[in-house]
PDB file of N, CA and C in Angstrom:
ATOM      1  N   MET A   1       9.159  -2.431  -7.533  1.00  0.00           N
ATOM      2  CA  MET A   1       9.123  -2.968  -6.190  1.00  0.00           C
ATOM      3  C   MET A   1       9.030  -4.489  -6.264  1.00  0.00           C
ATOM      4  N   HIS A   2       9.670  -5.140  -5.313  1.00  0.00           N
ATOM      5  CA  HIS A   2       9.620  -6.599  -5.264  1.00  0.00           C
ATOM      6  C   HIS A   2       8.808  -7.038  -4.054  1.00  0.00           C
ATOM      7  N   ILE A   3       8.092  -8.147  -4.196  1.00  0.00           N
ATOM      8  CA  ILE A   3       7.262  -8.671  -3.119  1.00  0.00           C
ATOM      9  C   ILE A   3       8.084  -8.926  -1.862  1.00  0.00           C
ATOM     10  N   ASN A   4       9.356  -9.311  -2.016  1.00  0.00           N
ATOM     11  CA  ASN A   4      10.197  -9.581  -0.854  1.00  0.00           C
ATOM     12  C   ASN A   4      10.411  -8.340   0.006  1.00  0.00           C
ATOM     13  N   ASP A   5      10.422  -7.162  -0.610  1.00  0.00           N
ATOM     14  CA  ASP A   5      10.548  -5.924   0.160  1.00  0.00           C
ATOM     15  C   ASP A   5       9.365  -5.758   1.115  1.00  0.00           C
ATOM     16  N   LEU A   6       8.182  -6.085   0.635  1.00  0.00           N
ATOM     17  CA  LEU A   6       6.989  -5.987   1.478  1.00  0.00           C
ATOM     18  C   LEU A   6       6.978  -7.066   2.548  1.00  0.00           C
ATOM     19  N   LEU A   7       7.414  -8.274   2.189  1.00  0.00           N
ATOM     20  CA  LEU A   7       7.464  -9.360   3.169  1.00  0.00           C
ATOM     21  C   LEU A   7       8.464  -9.045   4.281  1.00  0.00           C
ATOM     22  N   LYS A   8       9.582  -8.424   3.929  1.00  0.00           N
ATOM     23  CA  LYS A   8      10.557  -8.023   4.953  1.00  0.00           C
ATOM     24  C   LYS A   8       9.931  -7.041   5.932  1.00  0.00           C
ATOM     25  N   GLN A   9       9.189  -6.080   5.420  1.00  0.00           N
ATOM     26  CA  GLN A   9       8.503  -5.124   6.287  1.00  0.00           C
ATOM     27  C   GLN A   9       7.535  -5.840   7.224  1.00  0.00           C
ATOM     28  N   ALA A  10       6.822  -6.824   6.689  1.00  0.00           N
ATOM     29  CA  ALA A  10       5.866  -7.577   7.500  1.00  0.00           C
ATOM     30  C   ALA A  10       6.574  -8.318   8.633  1.00  0.00           C
ATOM     31  N   VAL A  11       7.698  -8.951   8.329  1.00  0.00           N
ATOM     32  CA  VAL A  11       8.438  -9.712   9.336  1.00  0.00           C
ATOM     33  C   VAL A  11       9.022  -8.777  10.391  1.00  0.00           C
ATOM     34  N   VAL A  12       9.670  -7.698   9.956  1.00  0.00           N
ATOM     35  CA  VAL A  12      10.298  -6.758  10.877  1.00  0.00           C
ATOM     36  C   VAL A  12       9.268  -6.172  11.847  1.00  0.00           C
ATOM     37  N   ARG A  13       8.076  -5.925  11.362  1.00  0.00           N
ATOM     38  CA  ARG A  13       7.044  -5.297  12.198  1.00  0.00           C
ATOM     39  C   ARG A  13       6.184  -6.306  12.959  1.00  0.00           C
ATOM     40  N   GLY A  14       6.462  -7.597  12.757  1.00  0.00           N
ATOM     41  CA  GLY A  14       5.717  -8.627  13.481  1.00  0.00           C
ATOM     42  C   GLY A  14       4.294  -8.813  12.998  1.00  0.00           C
ATOM     43  N   ALA A  15       4.061  -8.592  11.711  1.00  0.00           N
ATOM     44  CA  ALA A  15       2.713  -8.726  11.154  1.00  0.00           C
ATOM     45  C   ALA A  15       2.356 -10.190  10.912  1.00  0.00           C
ATOM     46  N   SER A  16       1.098 -10.504  11.075  1.00  0.00           N
ATOM     47  CA  SER A  16       0.624 -11.849  10.750  1.00  0.00           C
ATOM     48  C   SER A  16       0.183 -11.931   9.298  1.00  0.00           C
ATOM     49  N   ASP A  17      -0.247 -10.809   8.729  1.00  0.00           N
ATOM     50  CA  ASP A  17      -0.762 -10.781   7.362  1.00  0.00           C
ATOM     51  C   ASP A  17      -0.233  -9.565   6.618  1.00  0.00           C
ATOM     52  N   LEU A  18      -0.138  -9.716   5.309  1.00  0.00           N
ATOM     53  CA  LEU A  18       0.169  -8.618   4.398  1.00  0.00           C
ATOM     54  C   LEU A  18      -0.949  -8.584   3.368  1.00  0.00           C
ATOM     55  N   HIS A  19      -1.657  -7.463   3.299  1.00  0.00           N
ATOM     56  CA  HIS A  19      -2.753  -7.302   2.338  1.00  0.00           C
ATOM     57  C   HIS A  19      -2.295  -6.367   1.231  1.00  0.00           C
ATOM     58  N   ILE A  20      -2.475  -6.799  -0.009  1.00  0.00           N
ATOM     59  CA  ILE A  20      -2.113  -5.980  -1.162  1.00  0.00           C
ATOM     60  C   ILE A  20      -3.344  -5.868  -2.052  1.00  0.00           C
ATOM     61  N   MET A  21      -3.776  -4.638  -2.280  1.00  0.00           N
ATOM     62  CA  MET A  21      -4.963  -4.385  -3.100  1.00  0.00           C
ATOM     63  C   MET A  21      -4.744  -3.137  -3.939  1.00  0.00           C
ATOM     64  N   ALA A  22      -5.274  -3.141  -5.121  1.00  0.00           N
ATOM     65  CA  ALA A  22      -5.228  -1.941  -5.946  1.00  0.00           C
ATOM     66  C   ALA A  22      -6.079  -0.863  -5.286  1.00  0.00           C
ATOM     67  N   GLY A  23      -5.569   0.366  -5.329  1.00  0.00           N
ATOM     68  CA  GLY A  23      -6.319   1.501  -4.804  1.00  0.00           C
ATOM     69  C   GLY A  23      -5.949   1.897  -3.395  1.00  0.00           C
ATOM     70  N   VAL A  24      -5.129   1.078  -2.716  1.00  0.00           N
ATOM     71  CA  VAL A  24      -4.693   1.406  -1.357  1.00  0.00           C
ATOM     72  C   VAL A  24      -3.209   1.084  -1.215  1.00  0.00           C
ATOM     73  N   ALA A  25      -2.581   1.637  -0.188  1.00  0.00           N
ATOM     74  CA  ALA A  25      -1.202   1.267   0.134  1.00  0.00           C
ATOM     75  C   ALA A  25      -1.223  -0.121   0.772  1.00  0.00           C
ATOM     76  N   PRO A  26      -0.106  -0.850   0.737  1.00  0.00           N
ATOM     77  CA  PRO A  26      -0.068  -2.169   1.377  1.00  0.00           C
ATOM     78  C   PRO A  26      -0.434  -2.061   2.857  1.00  0.00           C
ATOM     79  N   LEU A  27      -1.137  -3.079   3.344  1.00  0.00           N
ATOM     80  CA  LEU A  27      -1.583  -3.097   4.729  1.00  0.00           C
ATOM     81  C   LEU A  27      -0.969  -4.279   5.462  1.00  0.00           C
ATOM     82  N   LEU A  28      -0.585  -4.067   6.719  1.00  0.00           N
ATOM     83  CA  LEU A  28      -0.105  -5.131   7.586  1.00  0.00           C
ATOM     84  C   LEU A  28      -1.119  -5.338   8.701  1.00  0.00           C
ATOM     85  N   ARG A  29      -1.368  -6.596   9.049  1.00  0.00           N
ATOM     86  CA  ARG A  29      -2.193  -6.892  10.223  1.00  0.00           C
ATOM     87  C   ARG A  29      -1.238  -7.172  11.376  1.00  0.00           C
ATOM     88  N   ILE A  30      -1.243  -6.287  12.361  1.00  0.00           N
ATOM     89  CA  ILE A  30      -0.379  -6.399  13.532  1.00  0.00           C
ATOM     90  C   ILE A  30      -1.274  -6.407  14.765  1.00  0.00           C
ATOM     91  N   ASN A  31      -1.216  -7.491  15.523  1.00  0.00           N
ATOM     92  CA  ASN A  31      -2.064  -7.643  16.712  1.00  0.00           C
ATOM     93  C   ASN A  31      -3.537  -7.401  16.393  1.00  0.00           C
ATOM     94  N   GLY A  32      -3.965  -7.895  15.254  1.00  0.00           N
ATOM     95  CA  GLY A  32      -5.376  -7.792  14.883  1.00  0.00           C
ATOM     96  C   GLY A  32      -5.786  -6.488  14.230  1.00  0.00           C
ATOM     97  N   GLU A  33      -4.894  -5.506  14.191  1.00  0.00           N
ATOM     98  CA  GLU A  33      -5.212  -4.198  13.621  1.00  0.00           C
ATOM     99  C   GLU A  33      -4.517  -4.023  12.272  1.00  0.00           C
ATOM    100  N   LEU A  34      -5.217  -3.454  11.298  1.00  0.00           N
ATOM    101  CA  LEU A  34      -4.612  -3.156  10.006  1.00  0.00           C
ATOM    102  C   LEU A  34      -3.861  -1.837  10.070  1.00  0.00           C
ATOM    103  N   THR A  35      -2.608  -1.873   9.602  1.00  0.00           N
ATOM    104  CA  THR A  35      -1.751  -0.702   9.592  1.00  0.00           C
ATOM    105  C   THR A  35      -1.241  -0.489   8.174  1.00  0.00           C
ATOM    106  N   SER A  36      -1.376   0.724   7.675  1.00  0.00           N
ATOM    107  CA  SER A  36      -0.928   1.048   6.325  1.00  0.00           C
ATOM    108  C   SER A  36       0.573   1.290   6.308  1.00  0.00           C
ATOM    109  N   LEU A  37       1.244   0.733   5.296  1.00  0.00           N
ATOM    110  CA  LEU A  37       2.661   1.023   5.100  1.00  0.00           C
ATOM    111  C   LEU A  37       2.799   2.364   4.387  1.00  0.00           C
ATOM    112  N   ASN A  38       3.906   3.011   4.585  1.00  0.00           N
ATOM    113  CA  ASN A  38       4.145   4.322   3.981  1.00  0.00           C
ATOM    114  C   ASN A  38       4.617   4.142   2.535  1.00  0.00           C
ATOM    115  N   PHE A  39       3.700   3.727   1.684  1.00  0.00           N
ATOM    116  CA  PHE A  39       3.942   3.534   0.259  1.00  0.00           C
ATOM    117  C   PHE A  39       2.858   4.282  -0.506  1.00  0.00           C
ATOM    118  N   PRO A  40       3.124   4.601  -1.752  1.00  0.00           N
ATOM    119  CA  PRO A  40       2.056   5.170  -2.573  1.00  0.00           C
ATOM    120  C   PRO A  40       0.935   4.137  -2.756  1.00  0.00           C
ATOM    121  N   LEU A  41      -0.235   4.628  -3.124  1.00  0.00           N
ATOM    122  CA  LEU A  41      -1.346   3.718  -3.412  1.00  0.00           C
ATOM    123  C   LEU A  41      -0.955   2.795  -4.556  1.00  0.00           C
ATOM    124  N   PHE A  42      -1.297   1.517  -4.422  1.00  0.00           N
ATOM    125  CA  PHE A  42      -0.990   0.567  -5.479  1.00  0.00           C
ATOM    126  C   PHE A  42      -2.010   0.671  -6.597  1.00  0.00           C
ATOM    127  N   THR A  43      -1.522   0.504  -7.801  1.00  0.00           N
ATOM    128  CA  THR A  43      -2.396   0.467  -8.968  1.00  0.00           C
ATOM    129  C   THR A  43      -2.690  -0.995  -9.308  1.00  0.00           C
ATOM    130  N   ALA A  44      -3.587  -1.202 -10.240  1.00  0.00           N
ATOM    131  CA  ALA A  44      -3.860  -2.554 -10.725  1.00  0.00           C
ATOM    132  C   ALA A  44      -2.596  -3.172 -11.312  1.00  0.00           C
ATOM    133  N   ASP A  45      -1.810  -2.368 -12.009  1.00  0.00           N
ATOM    134  CA  ASP A  45      -0.561  -2.871 -12.583  1.00  0.00           C
ATOM    135  C   ASP A  45       0.432  -3.295 -11.499  1.00  0.00           C
ATOM    136  N   ASN A  46       0.514  -2.504 -10.394  1.00  0.00           N
ATOM    137  CA  ASN A  46       1.397  -2.874  -9.278  1.00  0.00           C
ATOM    138  C   ASN A  46       1.016  -4.223  -8.700  1.00  0.00           C
ATOM    139  N   THR A  47      -0.270  -4.417  -8.441  1.00  0.00           N
ATOM    140  CA  THR A  47      -0.713  -5.667  -7.828  1.00  0.00           C
ATOM    141  C   THR A  47      -0.492  -6.850  -8.758  1.00  0.00           C
ATOM    142  N   LEU A  48      -0.720  -6.631 -10.034  1.00  0.00           N
ATOM    143  CA  LEU A  48      -0.496  -7.698 -11.008  1.00  0.00           C
ATOM    144  C   LEU A  48       0.980  -8.068 -11.076  1.00  0.00           C
ATOM    145  N   GLU A  49       1.865  -7.083 -11.057  1.00  0.00           N
ATOM    146  CA  GLU A  49       3.305  -7.345 -11.089  1.00  0.00           C
ATOM    147  C   GLU A  49       3.743  -8.132  -9.854  1.00  0.00           C
ATOM    148  N   LEU A  50       3.243  -7.769  -8.682  1.00  0.00           N
ATOM    149  CA  LEU A  50       3.583  -8.503  -7.457  1.00  0.00           C
ATOM    150  C   LEU A  50       3.086  -9.942  -7.530  1.00  0.00           C
ATOM    151  N   ALA A  51       1.903 -10.136  -8.067  1.00  0.00           N
ATOM    152  CA  ALA A  51       1.373 -11.496  -8.219  1.00  0.00           C
ATOM    153  C   ALA A  51       2.251 -12.312  -9.159  1.00  0.00           C
ATOM    154  N   ARG A  52       2.671 -11.718 -10.235  1.00  0.00           N
ATOM    155  CA  ARG A  52       3.517 -12.430 -11.202  1.00  0.00           C
ATOM    156  C   ARG A  52       4.879 -12.808 -10.613  1.00  0.00           C
ATOM    157  N   GLN A  53       5.335 -12.076  -9.607  1.00  0.00           N
ATOM    158  CA  GLN A  53       6.615 -12.400  -8.979  1.00  0.00           C
ATOM    159  C   GLN A  53       6.559 -13.699  -8.186  1.00  0.00           C
ATOM    160  N   ILE A  54       5.380 -14.113  -7.751  1.00  0.00           N
ATOM    161  CA  ILE A  54       5.282 -15.320  -6.934  1.00  0.00           C
ATOM    162  C   ILE A  54       4.528 -16.457  -7.607  1.00  0.00           C
ATOM    163  N   LEU A  55       3.950 -16.202  -8.774  1.00  0.00           N
ATOM    164  CA  LEU A  55       3.180 -17.239  -9.462  1.00  0.00           C
ATOM    165  C   LEU A  55       3.949 -17.804 -10.651  1.00  0.00           C
ATOM    166  N   ASN A  56       3.978 -19.133 -10.741  1.00  0.00           N
ATOM    167  CA  ASN A  56       4.543 -19.752 -11.937  1.00  0.00           C
ATOM    168  C   ASN A  56       3.442 -19.807 -13.006  1.00  0.00           C
ATOM    169  N   THR A  57       3.784 -20.294 -14.175  1.00  0.00           N
ATOM    170  CA  THR A  57       2.834 -20.324 -15.300  1.00  0.00           C
ATOM    171  C   THR A  57       1.580 -21.108 -14.956  1.00  0.00           C
ATOM    172  N   GLU A  58       1.750 -22.239 -14.286  1.00  0.00           N
ATOM    173  CA  GLU A  58       0.595 -23.064 -13.914  1.00  0.00           C
ATOM    174  C   GLU A  58      -0.356 -22.302 -13.000  1.00  0.00           C
ATOM    175  N   LYS A  59       0.197 -21.635 -11.990  1.00  0.00           N
ATOM    176  CA  LYS A  59      -0.642 -20.887 -11.051  1.00  0.00           C
ATOM    177  C   LYS A  59      -1.269 -19.659 -11.714  1.00  0.00           C
ATOM    178  N   LEU A  60      -0.547 -19.028 -12.639  1.00  0.00           N
ATOM    179  CA  LEU A  60      -1.138 -17.913 -13.393  1.00  0.00           C
ATOM    180  C   LEU A  60      -2.342 -18.390 -14.198  1.00  0.00           C
ATOM    181  N   ASN A  61      -2.225 -19.582 -14.789  1.00  0.00           N
ATOM    182  CA  ASN A  61      -3.343 -20.145 -15.550  1.00  0.00           C
ATOM    183  C   ASN A  61      -4.531 -20.448 -14.647  1.00  0.00           C
ATOM    184  N   VAL A  62      -4.273 -20.988 -13.452  1.00  0.00           N
ATOM    185  CA  VAL A  62      -5.354 -21.266 -12.492  1.00  0.00           C
ATOM    186  C   VAL A  62      -6.041 -19.964 -12.102  1.00  0.00           C
ATOM    187  N   LEU A  63      -5.247 -18.921 -11.818  1.00  0.00           N
ATOM    188  CA  LEU A  63      -5.817 -17.631 -11.462  1.00  0.00           C
ATOM    189  C   LEU A  63      -6.680 -17.082 -12.594  1.00  0.00           C
ATOM    190  N   GLU A  64      -6.161 -17.177 -13.802  1.00  0.00           N
ATOM    191  CA  GLU A  64      -6.904 -16.658 -14.946  1.00  0.00           C
ATOM    192  C   GLU A  64      -8.198 -17.433 -15.170  1.00  0.00           C
ATOM    193  N   GLN A  65      -8.147 -18.765 -15.000  1.00  0.00           N
ATOM    194  CA  GLN A  65      -9.321 -19.600 -15.258  1.00  0.00           C
ATOM    195  C   GLN A  65     -10.370 -19.497 -14.153  1.00  0.00           C
ATOM    196  N   PHE A  66      -9.928 -19.523 -12.878  1.00  0.00           N
ATOM    197  CA  PHE A  66     -10.866 -19.593 -11.765  1.00  0.00           C
ATOM    198  C   PHE A  66     -10.983 -18.296 -10.961  1.00  0.00           C
ATOM    199  N   GLY A  67     -10.067 -17.350 -11.197  1.00  0.00           N
ATOM    200  CA  GLY A  67     -10.118 -16.081 -10.475  1.00  0.00           C
ATOM    201  C   GLY A  67      -9.579 -16.157  -9.062  1.00  0.00           C
ATOM    202  N   GLU A  68      -8.984 -17.301  -8.678  1.00  0.00           N
ATOM    203  CA  GLU A  68      -8.500 -17.486  -7.322  1.00  0.00           C
ATOM    204  C   GLU A  68      -7.438 -18.578  -7.310  1.00  0.00           C
ATOM    205  N   VAL A  69      -6.454 -18.449  -6.403  1.00  0.00           N
ATOM    206  CA  VAL A  69      -5.416 -19.466  -6.285  1.00  0.00           C
ATOM    207  C   VAL A  69      -4.839 -19.424  -4.868  1.00  0.00           C
ATOM    208  N   ASP A  70      -4.453 -20.589  -4.356  1.00  0.00           N
ATOM    209  CA  ASP A  70      -3.778 -20.695  -3.062  1.00  0.00           C
ATOM    210  C   ASP A  70      -2.420 -21.334  -3.291  1.00  0.00           C
ATOM    211  N   LEU A  71      -1.388 -20.852  -2.587  1.00  0.00           N
ATOM    212  CA  LEU A  71      -0.056 -21.416  -2.724  1.00  0.00           C
ATOM    213  C   LEU A  71       0.820 -20.948  -1.581  1.00  0.00           C
ATOM    214  N   SER A  72       2.031 -21.479  -1.512  1.00  0.00           N
ATOM    215  CA  SER A  72       3.043 -21.022  -0.569  1.00  0.00           C
ATOM    216  C   SER A  72       4.220 -20.478  -1.348  1.00  0.00           C
ATOM    217  N   THR A  73       4.939 -19.549  -0.743  1.00  0.00           N
ATOM    218  CA  THR A  73       6.130 -18.992  -1.362  1.00  0.00           C
ATOM    219  C   THR A  73       7.197 -18.804  -0.293  1.00  0.00           C
ATOM    220  N   GLU A  74       8.452 -18.792  -0.702  1.00  0.00           N
ATOM    221  CA  GLU A  74       9.552 -18.610   0.233  1.00  0.00           C
ATOM    222  C   GLU A  74      10.255 -17.297  -0.065  1.00  0.00           C
ATOM    223  N   CYS A  75      10.589 -16.584   0.981  1.00  0.00           N
ATOM    224  CA  CYS A  75      11.413 -15.385   0.875  1.00  0.00           C
ATOM    225  C   CYS A  75      12.728 -15.716   1.556  1.00  0.00           C
ATOM    226  N   GLN A  76      13.797 -15.802   0.779  1.00  0.00           N
ATOM    227  CA  GLN A  76      15.102 -16.197   1.306  1.00  0.00           C
ATOM    228  C   GLN A  76      15.468 -15.392   2.546  1.00  0.00           C
ATOM    229  N   GLY A  77      15.815 -16.099   3.609  1.00  0.00           N
ATOM    230  CA  GLY A  77      16.238 -15.468   4.837  1.00  0.00           C
ATOM    231  C   GLY A  77      15.106 -15.023   5.749  1.00  0.00           C
ATOM    232  N   LEU A  78      13.863 -15.076   5.260  1.00  0.00           N
ATOM    233  CA  LEU A  78      12.733 -14.640   6.078  1.00  0.00           C
ATOM    234  C   LEU A  78      11.770 -15.763   6.410  1.00  0.00           C
ATOM    235  N   GLY A  79      11.676 -16.750   5.537  1.00  0.00           N
ATOM    236  CA  GLY A  79      10.775 -17.864   5.809  1.00  0.00           C
ATOM    237  C   GLY A  79       9.787 -18.101   4.696  1.00  0.00           C
ATOM    238  N   TYR A  80       8.777 -18.876   5.042  1.00  0.00           N
ATOM    239  CA  TYR A  80       7.734 -19.260   4.102  1.00  0.00           C
ATOM    240  C   TYR A  80       6.474 -18.463   4.386  1.00  0.00           C
ATOM    241  N   PHE A  81       5.735 -18.206   3.321  1.00  0.00           N
ATOM    242  CA  PHE A  81       4.506 -17.440   3.438  1.00  0.00           C
ATOM    243  C   PHE A  81       3.413 -18.131   2.632  1.00  0.00           C
ATOM    244  N   ARG A  82       2.239 -18.176   3.196  1.00  0.00           N
ATOM    245  CA  ARG A  82       1.086 -18.767   2.534  1.00  0.00           C
ATOM    246  C   ARG A  82       0.316 -17.654   1.858  1.00  0.00           C
ATOM    247  N   VAL A  83       0.093 -17.814   0.574  1.00  0.00           N
ATOM    248  CA  VAL A  83      -0.786 -16.890  -0.136  1.00  0.00           C
ATOM    249  C   VAL A  83      -2.183 -17.439   0.084  1.00  0.00           C
ATOM    250  N   LYS A  84      -2.838 -16.881   1.068  1.00  0.00           N
ATOM    251  CA  LYS A  84      -4.119 -17.394   1.533  1.00  0.00           C
ATOM    252  C   LYS A  84      -5.204 -17.178   0.493  1.00  0.00           C
ATOM    253  N   LYS A  85      -5.165 -16.038  -0.134  1.00  0.00           N
ATOM    254  CA  LYS A  85      -6.208 -15.721  -1.093  1.00  0.00           C
ATOM    255  C   LYS A  85      -5.632 -14.793  -2.135  1.00  0.00           C
ATOM    256  N   LEU A  86      -5.699 -15.187  -3.348  1.00  0.00           N
ATOM    257  CA  LEU A  86      -5.271 -14.330  -4.440  1.00  0.00           C
ATOM    258  C   LEU A  86      -6.435 -14.306  -5.410  1.00  0.00           C
ATOM    259  N   ILE A  87      -7.101 -13.182  -5.507  1.00  0.00           N
ATOM    260  CA  ILE A  87      -8.303 -13.077  -6.319  1.00  0.00           C
ATOM    261  C   ILE A  87      -8.077 -12.045  -7.401  1.00  0.00           C
ATOM    262  N   GLY A  88      -8.405 -12.385  -8.620  1.00  0.00           N
ATOM    263  CA  GLY A  88      -8.274 -11.435  -9.709  1.00  0.00           C
ATOM    264  C   GLY A  88      -9.419 -11.571 -10.676  1.00  0.00           C
ATOM    265  N   SER A  89      -9.841 -10.456 -11.223  1.00  0.00           N
ATOM    266  CA  SER A  89     -10.923 -10.510 -12.200  1.00  0.00           C
ATOM    267  C   SER A  89     -10.399 -10.972 -13.545  1.00  0.00           C
ATOM    268  N   SER A  90      -9.135 -10.684 -13.828  1.00  0.00           N
ATOM    269  CA  SER A  90      -8.518 -11.071 -15.089  1.00  0.00           C
ATOM    270  C   SER A  90      -7.039 -10.770 -14.992  1.00  0.00           C
ATOM    271  N   LEU A  91      -6.245 -11.420 -15.793  1.00  0.00           N
ATOM    272  CA  LEU A  91      -4.817 -11.122 -15.807  1.00  0.00           C
ATOM    273  C   LEU A  91      -4.465 -10.107 -16.891  1.00  0.00           C
ATOM    274  N   VAL A  92      -5.464  -9.531 -17.506  1.00  0.00           N
ATOM    275  CA  VAL A  92      -5.220  -8.506 -18.507  1.00  0.00           C
ATOM    276  C   VAL A  92      -4.689  -7.260 -17.803  1.00  0.00           C
ATOM    277  N   PRO A  93      -3.544  -6.715 -18.246  1.00  0.00           N
ATOM    278  CA  PRO A  93      -3.009  -5.514 -17.589  1.00  0.00           C
ATOM    279  C   PRO A  93      -4.065  -4.419 -17.509  1.00  0.00           C
ATOM    280  N   GLY A  94      -4.092  -3.764 -16.359  1.00  0.00           N
ATOM    281  CA  GLY A  94      -5.056  -2.688 -16.151  1.00  0.00           C
ATOM    282  C   GLY A  94      -6.293  -3.127 -15.404  1.00  0.00           C
ATOM    283  N   THR A  95      -6.501  -4.432 -15.248  1.00  0.00           N
ATOM    284  CA  THR A  95      -7.640  -4.871 -14.459  1.00  0.00           C
ATOM    285  C   THR A  95      -7.210  -4.990 -13.007  1.00  0.00           C
ATOM    286  N   GLN A  96      -8.151  -4.876 -12.115  1.00  0.00           N
ATOM    287  CA  GLN A  96      -7.821  -4.844 -10.696  1.00  0.00           C
ATOM    288  C   GLN A  96      -7.616  -6.238 -10.131  1.00  0.00           C
ATOM    289  N   LEU A  97      -6.487  -6.416  -9.462  1.00  0.00           N
ATOM    290  CA  LEU A  97      -6.260  -7.614  -8.677  1.00  0.00           C
ATOM    291  C   LEU A  97      -6.814  -7.288  -7.303  1.00  0.00           C
ATOM    292  N   VAL A  98      -7.854  -7.953  -6.916  1.00  0.00           N
ATOM    293  CA  VAL A  98      -8.631  -7.527  -5.766  1.00  0.00           C
ATOM    294  C   VAL A  98      -7.880  -7.672  -4.451  1.00  0.00           C
ATOM    295  N   ASN A  99      -7.263  -8.821  -4.191  1.00  0.00           N
ATOM    296  CA  ASN A  99      -6.664  -9.029  -2.881  1.00  0.00           C
ATOM    297  C   ASN A  99      -5.568 -10.077  -2.948  1.00  0.00           C
ATOM    298  N   LEU A 100      -4.447  -9.753  -2.383  1.00  0.00           N
ATOM    299  CA  LEU A 100      -3.328 -10.684  -2.230  1.00  0.00           C
ATOM    300  C   LEU A 100      -3.018 -10.705  -0.747  1.00  0.00           C
ATOM    301  N   LEU A 101      -3.292 -11.830  -0.094  1.00  0.00           N
ATOM    302  CA  LEU A 101      -3.099 -11.954   1.345  1.00  0.00           C
ATOM    303  C   LEU A 101      -2.006 -12.971   1.618  1.00  0.00           C
ATOM    304  N   LEU A 102      -0.918 -12.534   2.233  1.00  0.00           N
ATOM    305  CA  LEU A 102       0.185 -13.425   2.574  1.00  0.00           C
ATOM    306  C   LEU A 102       0.274 -13.552   4.085  1.00  0.00           C
ATOM    307  N   LYS A 103       0.397 -14.783   4.557  1.00  0.00           N
ATOM    308  CA  LYS A 103       0.494 -15.064   5.987  1.00  0.00           C
ATOM    309  C   LYS A 103       1.802 -15.782   6.261  1.00  0.00           C
ATOM    310  N   ALA A 104       2.468 -15.419   7.360  1.00  0.00           N
ATOM    311  CA  ALA A 104       3.669 -16.129   7.769  1.00  0.00           C
ATOM    312  C   ALA A 104       3.293 -17.572   8.061  1.00  0.00           C
ATOM    313  N   GLU A 105       4.157 -18.489   7.683  1.00  0.00           N
ATOM    314  CA  GLU A 105       3.864 -19.910   7.801  1.00  0.00           C
ATOM    315  C   GLU A 105       5.072 -20.619   8.405  1.00  0.00           C
ATOM    316  N   THR A 106       4.812 -21.563   9.278  1.00  0.00           N
ATOM    317  CA  THR A 106       5.890 -22.360   9.857  1.00  0.00           C
ATOM    318  C   THR A 106       6.220 -23.477   8.891  1.00  0.00           C
ATOM    319  N   PRO A 107       7.485 -23.582   8.462  1.00  0.00           N
ATOM    320  CA  PRO A 107       7.836 -24.631   7.501  1.00  0.00           C
ATOM    321  C   PRO A 107       7.747 -26.013   8.142  1.00  0.00           C
ATOM    322  N   LEU A 108       7.426 -26.995   7.323  1.00  0.00           N
ATOM    323  CA  LEU A 108       7.385 -28.367   7.793  1.00  0.00           C
ATOM    324  C   LEU A 108       8.812 -28.871   8.001  1.00  0.00           C
ATOM    325  N   VAL A 109       9.010 -29.700   8.981  1.00  0.00           N
ATOM    326  CA  VAL A 109      10.311 -30.270   9.241  1.00  0.00           C
ATOM    327  C   VAL A 109      10.552 -31.375   8.218  1.00  0.00           C
ATOM    328  N   LYS A 110      11.670 -31.309   7.505  1.00  0.00           N
ATOM    329  CA  LYS A 110      11.994 -32.334   6.511  1.00  0.00           C
ATOM    330  C   LYS A 110      12.681 -33.487   7.201  1.00  0.00           C
ATOM    331  N   MET A 111      12.255 -34.692   6.889  1.00  0.00           N
ATOM    332  CA  MET A 111      12.833 -35.885   7.520  1.00  0.00           C
ATOM    333  C   MET A 111      13.507 -36.730   6.484  1.00  0.00           C
TER     334      MET A 111
END
């Protein structure tokens, strides 16, 4: 699975947030309410793979060192998304990535 597939679902459904956590299916926040997507429960490996799809080496190192990282990412054709909180206990495969929260973001106007 690719992170862009989940972001597309979030945009189509008008979600403000996408929550990804090991042990549960992906969640969308729509009008303040959390709604589960019809996906299998994510494993620690699933969450780690999704994180690696949006993190470069520098950000992976920050996550590994501090257990948390903030950044923005772009999904072609859908817009920009802020990774509000990415928390992990370790980047060792099999450990739980606690929370990946993506929020739709308005891009800055380039001048």
